[in-house]
Amino acid sequence: MKALEELGISLDRYGAKYRVVSSVHLKELKREIEALYGSDGIDGEVFEQYLSPFRYQSPWNGCRAHSIIVIAVPQGLSIVSFDSGKRRLKTVIPPTYIYRKIREDCFDALNRSFGPTVKIEKALLPLKLLAARSGLGSYGRNCLCYVPLMGSFARIEAFHIACRIERDDWGEKTLLKECEGCTRCADNCPTGCIDGETQTPGGLKPALNTGRCITIHNETAGDFPEYIKERDHNAIVGCIKCQTVCPLNRPYLKKKIDLERFARRETKLILQNRHDSSKTLSAKLRRHDMDEYGDVLSRNLKMLL
């Protein structure tokens, strides 16, 4: 299909990769996610917040035959600096958190390839599972999705496209062979939420106690559990501990971007949870997709400082 060839060329500009999945697998995808409810490591609160919002149907009424394009784009660590007056702090925004520009680039590439008459909509689907099922990536012990030549430093996007594409990359999930016998991510996890021991006759079985994961708590308002200590905090949002020690990510750790510096007044406003009172500060946060975490930025920054 010529459109797919053109899409591949367009995505090559960003070092991105794609796969195609038929919409006939949406029900299967839904069953696989719903099977996680109540399973080890996935409690009801986490399921409701992160997994229940997914939509497993066509965005167009009456359009049964369509495909899903899954795209992975490499994204490095982003360094942000804050000045509290008492000290200057450099911390990170982990890969995958900055997404608006990547999503726009993906939309542009799809529109150029398929033309203006083909409807395209963002897919609200479990992206890691979709990437693993499409062969775009594989699961690691830490339950993150690893993409060849990107490691876990990949932003994954998915789009419904209102046309039937004969190609269908759907298949079984794969687990990284490199994770067998390696427990670096589990050993470096501050809260011990990664299972460093579970093996099956077929090899590794990733297991994550999401209720103990710093990433979940760093994205959710409220007090931190007592088992998360001040020294455990390492990013303005999310957590990077299991990724920085992973040997597969070693080539991509150097790709750091000095993203933004927040002056003393801006830092003070964030600490006071008054970032909306400054148009300049609000624009900065929105530019780097941090505006969505306004209610937790103040708390997280206090912990880092």
C-alpha atoms as a PDB file:
ATOM      1  CA  MET A   1       0.000   0.000   0.000  1.00  0.00           C
ATOM      2  CA  LYS A   2       1.542   3.249  -1.178  1.00  0.00           C
ATOM      3  CA  ALA A   3       0.217   5.224   1.806  1.00  0.00           C
ATOM      4  CA  LEU A   4       2.141   2.991   4.215  1.00  0.00           C
ATOM      5  CA  GLU A   5       5.329   3.447   2.222  1.00  0.00           C
ATOM      6  CA  GLU A   6       4.900   7.212   2.420  1.00  0.00           C
ATOM      7  CA  LEU A   7       4.133   6.968   6.135  1.00  0.00           C
ATOM      8  CA  GLY A   8       7.355   5.061   6.723  1.00  0.00           C
ATOM      9  CA  ILE A   9       9.337   7.726   4.883  1.00  0.00           C
ATOM     10  CA  SER A  10       7.654  10.535   6.861  1.00  0.00           C
ATOM     11  CA  LEU A  11       8.266   8.853  10.217  1.00  0.00           C
ATOM     12  CA  ASP A  12      11.898   8.146   9.364  1.00  0.00           C
ATOM     13  CA  ARG A  13      12.507  11.894   9.766  1.00  0.00           C
ATOM     14  CA  TYR A  14      11.819  11.509  13.487  1.00  0.00           C
ATOM     15  CA  GLY A  15      13.496   8.125  13.855  1.00  0.00           C
ATOM     16  CA  ALA A  16      10.016   6.702  14.457  1.00  0.00           C
ATOM     17  CA  LYS A  17       8.581   3.257  13.684  1.00  0.00           C
ATOM     18  CA  TYR A  18       5.032   2.034  13.122  1.00  0.00           C
ATOM     19  CA  ARG A  19       2.882  -1.085  13.017  1.00  0.00           C
ATOM     20  CA  VAL A  20      -0.672  -1.749  11.789  1.00  0.00           C
ATOM     21  CA  VAL A  21      -3.381  -3.561  13.774  1.00  0.00           C
ATOM     22  CA  SER A  22      -6.824  -4.462  12.481  1.00  0.00           C
ATOM     23  CA  SER A  23      -9.828  -3.211  14.455  1.00  0.00           C
ATOM     24  CA  VAL A  24     -11.061  -6.815  14.753  1.00  0.00           C
ATOM     25  CA  HIS A  25      -8.647  -7.199  17.691  1.00  0.00           C
ATOM     26  CA  LEU A  26     -10.202  -4.443  19.806  1.00  0.00           C
ATOM     27  CA  LYS A  27     -12.435  -6.842  21.739  1.00  0.00           C
ATOM     28  CA  GLU A  28      -9.471  -9.112  22.413  1.00  0.00           C
ATOM     29  CA  LEU A  29      -7.478  -6.107  23.617  1.00  0.00           C
ATOM     30  CA  LYS A  30     -10.341  -5.172  25.934  1.00  0.00           C
ATOM     31  CA  ARG A  31     -10.575  -8.681  27.406  1.00  0.00           C
ATOM     32  CA  GLU A  32      -6.853  -8.734  28.075  1.00  0.00           C
ATOM     33  CA  ILE A  33      -6.962  -5.428  29.956  1.00  0.00           C
ATOM     34  CA  GLU A  34     -10.094  -6.298  31.925  1.00  0.00           C
ATOM     35  CA  ALA A  35      -8.465  -9.553  32.997  1.00  0.00           C
ATOM     36  CA  LEU A  36      -5.953  -7.430  34.925  1.00  0.00           C
ATOM     37  CA  TYR A  37      -8.659  -6.143  37.259  1.00  0.00           C
ATOM     38  CA  GLY A  38      -8.163  -7.739  40.626  1.00  0.00           C
ATOM     39  CA  SER A  39      -5.000  -9.518  39.505  1.00  0.00           C
ATOM     40  CA  ASP A  40      -1.750  -9.385  41.458  1.00  0.00           C
ATOM     41  CA  GLY A  41      -0.371  -5.855  41.547  1.00  0.00           C
ATOM     42  CA  ILE A  42      -3.370  -4.117  39.894  1.00  0.00           C
ATOM     43  CA  ASP A  43      -5.731  -2.749  42.519  1.00  0.00           C
ATOM     44  CA  GLY A  44      -9.150  -1.258  41.816  1.00  0.00           C
ATOM     45  CA  GLU A  45      -8.068   2.367  42.260  1.00  0.00           C
ATOM     46  CA  VAL A  46      -5.208   2.070  39.768  1.00  0.00           C
ATOM     47  CA  PHE A  47      -7.453   0.235  37.317  1.00  0.00           C
ATOM     48  CA  GLU A  48     -10.134   2.925  37.505  1.00  0.00           C
ATOM     49  CA  GLN A  49      -7.652   5.768  37.051  1.00  0.00           C
ATOM     50  CA  TYR A  50      -5.463   4.338  34.299  1.00  0.00           C
ATOM     51  CA  LEU A  51      -7.241   1.462  32.561  1.00  0.00           C
ATOM     52  CA  SER A  52     -10.988   2.090  32.691  1.00  0.00           C
ATOM     53  CA  PRO A  53     -11.000   5.203  30.413  1.00  0.00           C
ATOM     54  CA  PHE A  54      -9.925   3.210  27.334  1.00  0.00           C
ATOM     55  CA  ARG A  55     -12.380   2.972  24.422  1.00  0.00           C
ATOM     56  CA  TYR A  56     -12.435  -0.214  22.374  1.00  0.00           C
ATOM     57  CA  GLN A  57     -14.631   0.774  19.444  1.00  0.00           C
ATOM     58  CA  SER A  58     -14.564   2.781  16.253  1.00  0.00           C
ATOM     59  CA  PRO A  59     -14.864   6.553  16.755  1.00  0.00           C
ATOM     60  CA  TRP A  60     -17.143   6.655  13.704  1.00  0.00           C
ATOM     61  CA  ASN A  61     -20.657   5.229  13.925  1.00  0.00           C
ATOM     62  CA  GLY A  62     -21.222   2.551  11.310  1.00  0.00           C
ATOM     63  CA  CYS A  63     -17.534   2.241  10.426  1.00  0.00           C
ATOM     64  CA  ARG A  64     -16.716  -1.339  11.358  1.00  0.00           C
ATOM     65  CA  ALA A  65     -13.771  -1.947   9.071  1.00  0.00           C
ATOM     66  CA  HIS A  66     -10.841   0.223  10.024  1.00  0.00           C
ATOM     67  CA  SER A  67      -7.249  -0.103  11.166  1.00  0.00           C
ATOM     68  CA  ILE A  68      -5.103   1.228  13.958  1.00  0.00           C
ATOM     69  CA  ILE A  69      -1.658   2.699  13.343  1.00  0.00           C
ATOM     70  CA  VAL A  70       0.708   2.317  16.314  1.00  0.00           C
ATOM     71  CA  ILE A  71       3.726   4.625  16.307  1.00  0.00           C
ATOM     72  CA  ALA A  72       6.820   4.749  18.535  1.00  0.00           C
ATOM     73  CA  VAL A  73       8.940   7.905  18.585  1.00  0.00           C
ATOM     74  CA  PRO A  74      12.310   8.110  20.413  1.00  0.00           C
ATOM     75  CA  GLN A  75      12.372  10.583  23.286  1.00  0.00           C
ATOM     76  CA  GLY A  76      15.262  11.303  25.628  1.00  0.00           C
ATOM     77  CA  LEU A  77      15.485  12.636  29.159  1.00  0.00           C
ATOM     78  CA  SER A  78      14.494  16.283  29.592  1.00  0.00           C
ATOM     79  CA  ILE A  79      16.331  18.368  32.200  1.00  0.00           C
ATOM     80  CA  VAL A  80      14.456  21.162  34.000  1.00  0.00           C
ATOM     81  CA  SER A  81      15.983  23.614  36.493  1.00  0.00           C
ATOM     82  CA  PHE A  82      14.416  25.435  39.418  1.00  0.00           C
ATOM     83  CA  ASP A  83      15.690  28.281  41.611  1.00  0.00           C
ATOM     84  CA  SER A  84      14.126  28.379  45.064  1.00  0.00           C
ATOM     85  CA  GLY A  85      16.404  31.128  46.305  1.00  0.00           C
ATOM     86  CA  LYS A  86      18.015  28.778  48.810  1.00  0.00           C
ATOM     87  CA  ARG A  87      19.227  26.325  46.184  1.00  0.00           C
ATOM     88  CA  ARG A  88      19.198  25.525  42.489  1.00  0.00           C
ATOM     89  CA  LEU A  89      17.771  22.184  41.500  1.00  0.00           C
ATOM     90  CA  LYS A  90      18.170  20.189  38.316  1.00  0.00           C
ATOM     91  CA  THR A  91      15.757  17.321  37.848  1.00  0.00           C
ATOM     92  CA  VAL A  92      14.203  15.373  34.993  1.00  0.00           C
ATOM     93  CA  ILE A  93      10.993  14.903  33.114  1.00  0.00           C
ATOM     94  CA  PRO A  94      11.103  11.213  32.152  1.00  0.00           C
ATOM     95  CA  PRO A  95      10.726  10.120  28.525  1.00  0.00           C
ATOM     96  CA  THR A  96       7.146   9.834  27.181  1.00  0.00           C
ATOM     97  CA  TYR A  97       5.700  12.660  29.310  1.00  0.00           C
ATOM     98  CA  ILE A  98       6.158  15.326  26.647  1.00  0.00           C
ATOM     99  CA  TYR A  99       3.756  14.389  23.904  1.00  0.00           C
ATOM    100  CA  ARG A 100       1.833  17.224  22.181  1.00  0.00           C
ATOM    101  CA  LYS A 101       4.465  18.009  19.553  1.00  0.00           C
ATOM    102  CA  ILE A 102       5.047  14.294  18.895  1.00  0.00           C
ATOM    103  CA  ARG A 103       1.314  13.714  18.473  1.00  0.00           C
ATOM    104  CA  GLU A 104       1.030  16.647  16.055  1.00  0.00           C
ATOM    105  CA  ASP A 105       3.953  15.308  14.011  1.00  0.00           C
ATOM    106  CA  CYS A 106       2.284  11.878  13.863  1.00  0.00           C
ATOM    107  CA  PHE A 107      -1.001  13.418  12.729  1.00  0.00           C
ATOM    108  CA  ASP A 108       0.828  15.390  10.034  1.00  0.00           C
ATOM    109  CA  ALA A 109       2.636  12.280   8.789  1.00  0.00           C
ATOM    110  CA  LEU A 110      -0.625  10.302   8.648  1.00  0.00           C
ATOM    111  CA  ASN A 111      -2.513  13.081   6.856  1.00  0.00           C
ATOM    112  CA  ARG A 112       0.237  13.490   4.275  1.00  0.00           C
ATOM    113  CA  SER A 113       0.345   9.743   3.655  1.00  0.00           C
ATOM    114  CA  PHE A 114      -3.370   8.901   3.512  1.00  0.00           C
ATOM    115  CA  GLY A 115      -4.709  12.204   2.234  1.00  0.00           C
ATOM    116  CA  PRO A 116      -7.295  14.667   3.566  1.00  0.00           C
ATOM    117  CA  THR A 117     -10.335  12.492   2.732  1.00  0.00           C
ATOM    118  CA  VAL A 118      -9.413   9.653   5.114  1.00  0.00           C
ATOM    119  CA  LYS A 119     -10.640  10.184   8.676  1.00  0.00           C
ATOM    120  CA  ILE A 120      -8.027   9.876  11.431  1.00  0.00           C
ATOM    121  CA  GLU A 121      -8.624  10.008  15.178  1.00  0.00           C
ATOM    122  CA  LYS A 122      -6.400   9.506  18.202  1.00  0.00           C
ATOM    123  CA  ALA A 123      -7.011   6.073  19.729  1.00  0.00           C
ATOM    124  CA  LEU A 124      -7.644   5.916  23.472  1.00  0.00           C
ATOM    125  CA  LEU A 125      -6.189   2.444  23.985  1.00  0.00           C
ATOM    126  CA  PRO A 126      -3.612   0.690  26.230  1.00  0.00           C
ATOM    127  CA  LEU A 127      -0.533   1.777  24.319  1.00  0.00           C
ATOM    128  CA  LYS A 128       2.113  -0.485  25.864  1.00  0.00           C
ATOM    129  CA  LEU A 129      -0.013  -3.574  25.328  1.00  0.00           C
ATOM    130  CA  LEU A 130      -0.909  -2.469  21.804  1.00  0.00           C
ATOM    131  CA  ALA A 131       2.762  -1.905  20.976  1.00  0.00           C
ATOM    132  CA  ALA A 132       3.686  -5.322  22.380  1.00  0.00           C
ATOM    133  CA  ARG A 133       0.845  -7.042  20.528  1.00  0.00           C
ATOM    134  CA  SER A 134       1.790  -5.381  17.251  1.00  0.00           C
ATOM    135  CA  GLY A 135       5.437  -6.395  17.498  1.00  0.00           C
ATOM    136  CA  LEU A 136       6.533  -2.788  17.793  1.00  0.00           C
ATOM    137  CA  GLY A 137       8.125  -3.499  21.161  1.00  0.00           C
ATOM    138  CA  SER A 138       8.583  -6.062  23.925  1.00  0.00           C
ATOM    139  CA  TYR A 139       7.935  -6.027  27.656  1.00  0.00           C
ATOM    140  CA  GLY A 140      10.790  -5.744  30.125  1.00  0.00           C
ATOM    141  CA  ARG A 141      10.891  -6.994  33.698  1.00  0.00           C
ATOM    142  CA  ASN A 142       9.727  -3.527  34.832  1.00  0.00           C
ATOM    143  CA  CYS A 143       6.564  -3.859  32.693  1.00  0.00           C
ATOM    144  CA  LEU A 144       7.684  -1.038  30.403  1.00  0.00           C
ATOM    145  CA  CYS A 145       7.657  -1.448  26.649  1.00  0.00           C
ATOM    146  CA  TYR A 146      11.068  -1.547  24.948  1.00  0.00           C
ATOM    147  CA  VAL A 147      11.358  -0.632  21.269  1.00  0.00           C
ATOM    148  CA  PRO A 148      14.440  -1.599  19.226  1.00  0.00           C
ATOM    149  CA  LEU A 149      16.906   1.318  18.888  1.00  0.00           C
ATOM    150  CA  MET A 150      14.893   3.308  21.467  1.00  0.00           C
ATOM    151  CA  GLY A 151      14.894   1.198  24.601  1.00  0.00           C
ATOM    152  CA  SER A 152      12.125   2.243  26.959  1.00  0.00           C
ATOM    153  CA  PHE A 153      12.709   5.867  25.935  1.00  0.00           C
ATOM    154  CA  ALA A 154       9.910   5.800  23.378  1.00  0.00           C
ATOM    155  CA  ARG A 155       6.666   7.752  23.207  1.00  0.00           C
ATOM    156  CA  ILE A 156       3.919   5.512  21.846  1.00  0.00           C
ATOM    157  CA  GLU A 157       0.898   6.916  20.027  1.00  0.00           C
ATOM    158  CA  ALA A 158      -1.995   5.153  18.303  1.00  0.00           C
ATOM    159  CA  PHE A 159      -4.548   6.359  15.750  1.00  0.00           C
ATOM    160  CA  HIS A 160      -7.776   5.008  14.309  1.00  0.00           C
ATOM    161  CA  ILE A 161      -7.807   5.332  10.525  1.00  0.00           C
ATOM    162  CA  ALA A 162     -11.086   4.956   8.634  1.00  0.00           C
ATOM    163  CA  CYS A 163      -9.983   2.610   5.909  1.00  0.00           C
ATOM    164  CA  ARG A 164      -9.246  -1.079   5.652  1.00  0.00           C
ATOM    165  CA  ILE A 165      -5.562  -1.886   5.468  1.00  0.00           C
ATOM    166  CA  GLU A 166      -4.798  -5.455   4.459  1.00  0.00           C
ATOM    167  CA  ARG A 167      -1.728  -5.561   6.663  1.00  0.00           C
ATOM    168  CA  ASP A 168      -2.238  -6.777  10.251  1.00  0.00           C
ATOM    169  CA  ASP A 169       0.768  -7.070  12.597  1.00  0.00           C
ATOM    170  CA  TRP A 170      -1.183  -8.484  15.544  1.00  0.00           C
ATOM    171  CA  GLY A 171       0.608 -11.294  17.374  1.00  0.00           C
ATOM    172  CA  GLU A 172       1.654 -12.641  20.755  1.00  0.00           C
ATOM    173  CA  LYS A 173       3.386 -10.447  23.308  1.00  0.00           C
ATOM    174  CA  THR A 174       7.107 -10.997  23.662  1.00  0.00           C
ATOM    175  CA  LEU A 175       9.355 -10.569  26.677  1.00  0.00           C
ATOM    176  CA  LEU A 176      12.932  -9.360  26.508  1.00  0.00           C
ATOM    177  CA  LYS A 177      15.376 -12.232  26.754  1.00  0.00           C
ATOM    178  CA  GLU A 178      17.915  -9.780  28.178  1.00  0.00           C
ATOM    179  CA  CYS A 179      15.773  -9.459  31.315  1.00  0.00           C
ATOM    180  CA  GLU A 180      16.162 -13.118  32.239  1.00  0.00           C
ATOM    181  CA  GLY A 181      18.698 -13.285  35.006  1.00  0.00           C
ATOM    182  CA  CYS A 182      18.957  -9.470  35.245  1.00  0.00           C
ATOM    183  CA  THR A 183      17.374  -7.740  38.250  1.00  0.00           C
ATOM    184  CA  ARG A 184      18.932  -4.277  38.041  1.00  0.00           C
ATOM    185  CA  CYS A 185      15.596  -2.493  37.672  1.00  0.00           C
ATOM    186  CA  ALA A 186      14.114  -4.408  40.613  1.00  0.00           C
ATOM    187  CA  ASP A 187      17.198  -3.796  42.757  1.00  0.00           C
ATOM    188  CA  ASN A 188      17.140  -0.053  42.017  1.00  0.00           C
ATOM    189  CA  CYS A 189      13.417   0.437  42.646  1.00  0.00           C
ATOM    190  CA  PRO A 190      13.118   2.512  45.865  1.00  0.00           C
ATOM    191  CA  THR A 191       9.810   0.926  46.896  1.00  0.00           C
ATOM    192  CA  GLY A 192      10.460  -2.634  45.742  1.00  0.00           C
ATOM    193  CA  CYS A 193       7.454  -2.683  43.441  1.00  0.00           C
ATOM    194  CA  ILE A 194       9.195  -4.699  40.689  1.00  0.00           C
ATOM    195  CA  ASP A 195       9.341  -8.465  41.044  1.00  0.00           C
ATOM    196  CA  GLY A 196      12.958  -9.511  40.648  1.00  0.00           C
ATOM    197  CA  GLU A 197      12.421 -13.219  41.157  1.00  0.00           C
ATOM    198  CA  THR A 198       9.371 -14.512  39.278  1.00  0.00           C
ATOM    199  CA  GLN A 199      10.284 -16.927  36.501  1.00  0.00           C
ATOM    200  CA  THR A 200       8.079 -19.354  34.593  1.00  0.00           C
ATOM    201  CA  PRO A 201       8.990 -22.433  32.537  1.00  0.00           C
ATOM    202  CA  GLY A 202       8.843 -20.167  29.505  1.00  0.00           C
ATOM    203  CA  GLY A 203      11.121 -17.556  31.039  1.00  0.00           C
ATOM    204  CA  LEU A 204      10.478 -14.194  32.665  1.00  0.00           C
ATOM    205  CA  LYS A 205       7.042 -13.103  33.824  1.00  0.00           C
ATOM    206  CA  PRO A 206       6.948  -9.322  34.450  1.00  0.00           C
ATOM    207  CA  ALA A 207       5.166  -8.388  37.659  1.00  0.00           C
ATOM    208  CA  LEU A 208       4.625  -4.915  39.074  1.00  0.00           C
ATOM    209  CA  ASN A 209       2.912  -3.906  42.292  1.00  0.00           C
ATOM    210  CA  THR A 210       1.403  -0.709  40.902  1.00  0.00           C
ATOM    211  CA  GLY A 211       0.127   0.388  44.295  1.00  0.00           C
ATOM    212  CA  ARG A 212       3.734   0.870  45.450  1.00  0.00           C
ATOM    213  CA  CYS A 213       5.039   2.495  42.254  1.00  0.00           C
ATOM    214  CA  ILE A 214       6.325   6.052  42.745  1.00  0.00           C
ATOM    215  CA  THR A 215       5.111   6.970  39.255  1.00  0.00           C
ATOM    216  CA  ILE A 216       1.497   6.354  40.254  1.00  0.00           C
ATOM    217  CA  HIS A 217       1.797   8.440  43.420  1.00  0.00           C
ATOM    218  CA  ASN A 218       3.732  11.218  41.658  1.00  0.00           C
ATOM    219  CA  GLU A 219       0.807  11.656  39.269  1.00  0.00           C
ATOM    220  CA  THR A 220      -1.912  11.524  41.932  1.00  0.00           C
ATOM    221  CA  ALA A 221      -2.798  14.292  44.391  1.00  0.00           C
ATOM    222  CA  GLY A 222      -2.626  13.622  48.113  1.00  0.00           C
ATOM    223  CA  ASP A 223      -0.043  12.648  50.692  1.00  0.00           C
ATOM    224  CA  PHE A 224       2.691  10.190  49.815  1.00  0.00           C
ATOM    225  CA  PRO A 225       2.630   6.824  51.604  1.00  0.00           C
ATOM    226  CA  GLU A 226       5.106   6.502  54.474  1.00  0.00           C
ATOM    227  CA  TYR A 227       7.194   3.943  52.582  1.00  0.00           C
ATOM    228  CA  ILE A 228       8.116   6.579  49.966  1.00  0.00           C
ATOM    229  CA  LYS A 229      10.985   8.505  51.525  1.00  0.00           C
ATOM    230  CA  GLU A 230      12.226  11.963  50.546  1.00  0.00           C
ATOM    231  CA  ARG A 231      15.410  10.494  49.077  1.00  0.00           C
ATOM    232  CA  ASP A 232      13.335   8.284  46.762  1.00  0.00           C
ATOM    233  CA  HIS A 233      12.029  11.204  44.690  1.00  0.00           C
ATOM    234  CA  ASN A 234      13.991  11.655  41.476  1.00  0.00           C
ATOM    235  CA  ALA A 235      11.778  13.399  38.886  1.00  0.00           C
ATOM    236  CA  ILE A 236       9.316  16.284  38.803  1.00  0.00           C
ATOM    237  CA  VAL A 237       6.668  13.776  37.703  1.00  0.00           C
ATOM    238  CA  GLY A 238       6.858  10.001  37.327  1.00  0.00           C
ATOM    239  CA  CYS A 239      10.013   8.054  38.217  1.00  0.00           C
ATOM    240  CA  ILE A 240      13.138   7.139  36.285  1.00  0.00           C
ATOM    241  CA  LYS A 241      14.908   4.752  38.683  1.00  0.00           C
ATOM    242  CA  CYS A 242      14.188   1.480  36.870  1.00  0.00           C
ATOM    243  CA  GLN A 243      15.129   2.923  33.471  1.00  0.00           C
ATOM    244  CA  THR A 244      18.456   4.596  34.205  1.00  0.00           C
ATOM    245  CA  VAL A 245      20.093   1.371  35.414  1.00  0.00           C
ATOM    246  CA  CYS A 246      18.799  -0.765  32.553  1.00  0.00           C
ATOM    247  CA  PRO A 247      21.670  -1.901  30.265  1.00  0.00           C
ATOM    248  CA  LEU A 248      19.371  -1.675  27.238  1.00  0.00           C
ATOM    249  CA  ASN A 249      18.863   2.048  27.905  1.00  0.00           C
ATOM    250  CA  ARG A 250      22.554   2.846  28.251  1.00  0.00           C
ATOM    251  CA  PRO A 251      22.961   4.175  24.673  1.00  0.00           C
ATOM    252  CA  TYR A 252      20.028   6.587  25.121  1.00  0.00           C
ATOM    253  CA  LEU A 253      20.915   8.101  28.501  1.00  0.00           C
ATOM    254  CA  LYS A 254      23.255  10.534  26.781  1.00  0.00           C
ATOM    255  CA  LYS A 255      20.407  12.054  24.796  1.00  0.00           C
ATOM    256  CA  LYS A 256      19.512  14.623  27.431  1.00  0.00           C
ATOM    257  CA  ILE A 257      17.828  17.896  26.560  1.00  0.00           C
ATOM    258  CA  ASP A 258      18.277  21.033  28.670  1.00  0.00           C
ATOM    259  CA  LEU A 259      14.610  21.790  28.333  1.00  0.00           C
ATOM    260  CA  GLU A 260      13.646  24.692  30.587  1.00  0.00           C
ATOM    261  CA  ARG A 261      14.808  26.895  33.443  1.00  0.00           C
ATOM    262  CA  PHE A 262      12.353  28.290  35.933  1.00  0.00           C
ATOM    263  CA  ALA A 263      13.449  31.564  37.522  1.00  0.00           C
ATOM    264  CA  ARG A 264      13.166  32.240  41.253  1.00  0.00           C
ATOM    265  CA  ARG A 265       9.777  33.952  40.957  1.00  0.00           C
ATOM    266  CA  GLU A 266       8.408  31.147  38.763  1.00  0.00           C
ATOM    267  CA  THR A 267       9.713  28.507  41.153  1.00  0.00           C
ATOM    268  CA  LYS A 268       8.070  30.328  44.051  1.00  0.00           C
ATOM    269  CA  LEU A 269       4.716  30.395  42.237  1.00  0.00           C
ATOM    270  CA  ILE A 270       4.930  26.659  41.545  1.00  0.00           C
ATOM    271  CA  LEU A 271       5.754  25.959  45.201  1.00  0.00           C
ATOM    272  CA  GLN A 272       2.735  28.055  46.209  1.00  0.00           C
ATOM    273  CA  ASN A 273       0.564  26.232  43.655  1.00  0.00           C
ATOM    274  CA  ARG A 274      -0.107  29.582  41.964  1.00  0.00           C
ATOM    275  CA  HIS A 275       1.262  28.816  38.510  1.00  0.00           C
ATOM    276  CA  ASP A 276      -2.038  29.938  36.952  1.00  0.00           C
ATOM    277  CA  SER A 277      -1.409  33.475  38.212  1.00  0.00           C
ATOM    278  CA  SER A 278       1.351  33.987  35.651  1.00  0.00           C
ATOM    279  CA  LYS A 279       0.595  33.748  31.935  1.00  0.00           C
ATOM    280  CA  THR A 280       4.293  33.315  31.170  1.00  0.00           C
ATOM    281  CA  LEU A 281       4.673  30.464  33.636  1.00  0.00           C
ATOM    282  CA  SER A 282       1.445  28.800  32.494  1.00  0.00           C
ATOM    283  CA  ALA A 283       2.660  28.978  28.904  1.00  0.00           C
ATOM    284  CA  LYS A 284       6.001  27.410  29.884  1.00  0.00           C
ATOM    285  CA  LEU A 285       4.315  24.517  31.634  1.00  0.00           C
ATOM    286  CA  ARG A 286       1.906  23.978  28.769  1.00  0.00           C
ATOM    287  CA  ARG A 287       4.737  24.052  26.235  1.00  0.00           C
ATOM    288  CA  HIS A 288       6.254  21.030  27.941  1.00  0.00           C
ATOM    289  CA  ASP A 289       2.933  19.308  28.771  1.00  0.00           C
ATOM    290  CA  MET A 290       3.368  19.896  32.493  1.00  0.00           C
ATOM    291  CA  ASP A 291       0.162  21.914  32.763  1.00  0.00           C
ATOM    292  CA  GLU A 292      -1.748  18.649  33.226  1.00  0.00           C
ATOM    293  CA  TYR A 293       0.056  18.026  36.517  1.00  0.00           C
ATOM    294  CA  GLY A 294      -0.632  21.414  38.073  1.00  0.00           C
ATOM    295  CA  ASP A 295      -2.182  19.963  41.212  1.00  0.00           C
ATOM    296  CA  VAL A 296       0.858  17.804  42.020  1.00  0.00           C
ATOM    297  CA  LEU A 297       3.776  19.917  40.758  1.00  0.00           C
ATOM    298  CA  SER A 298       3.954  21.983  43.935  1.00  0.00           C
ATOM    299  CA  ARG A 299       4.012  18.924  46.186  1.00  0.00           C
ATOM    300  CA  ASN A 300       6.535  17.060  44.023  1.00  0.00           C
ATOM    301  CA  LEU A 301       8.887  20.045  43.768  1.00  0.00           C
ATOM    302  CA  LYS A 302       8.829  20.508  47.553  1.00  0.00           C
ATOM    303  CA  MET A 303       9.898  16.906  47.993  1.00  0.00           C
ATOM    304  CA  LEU A 304      12.740  17.270  45.495  1.00  0.00           C
ATOM    305  CA  LEU A 305      13.966  20.450  47.193  1.00  0.00           C
END
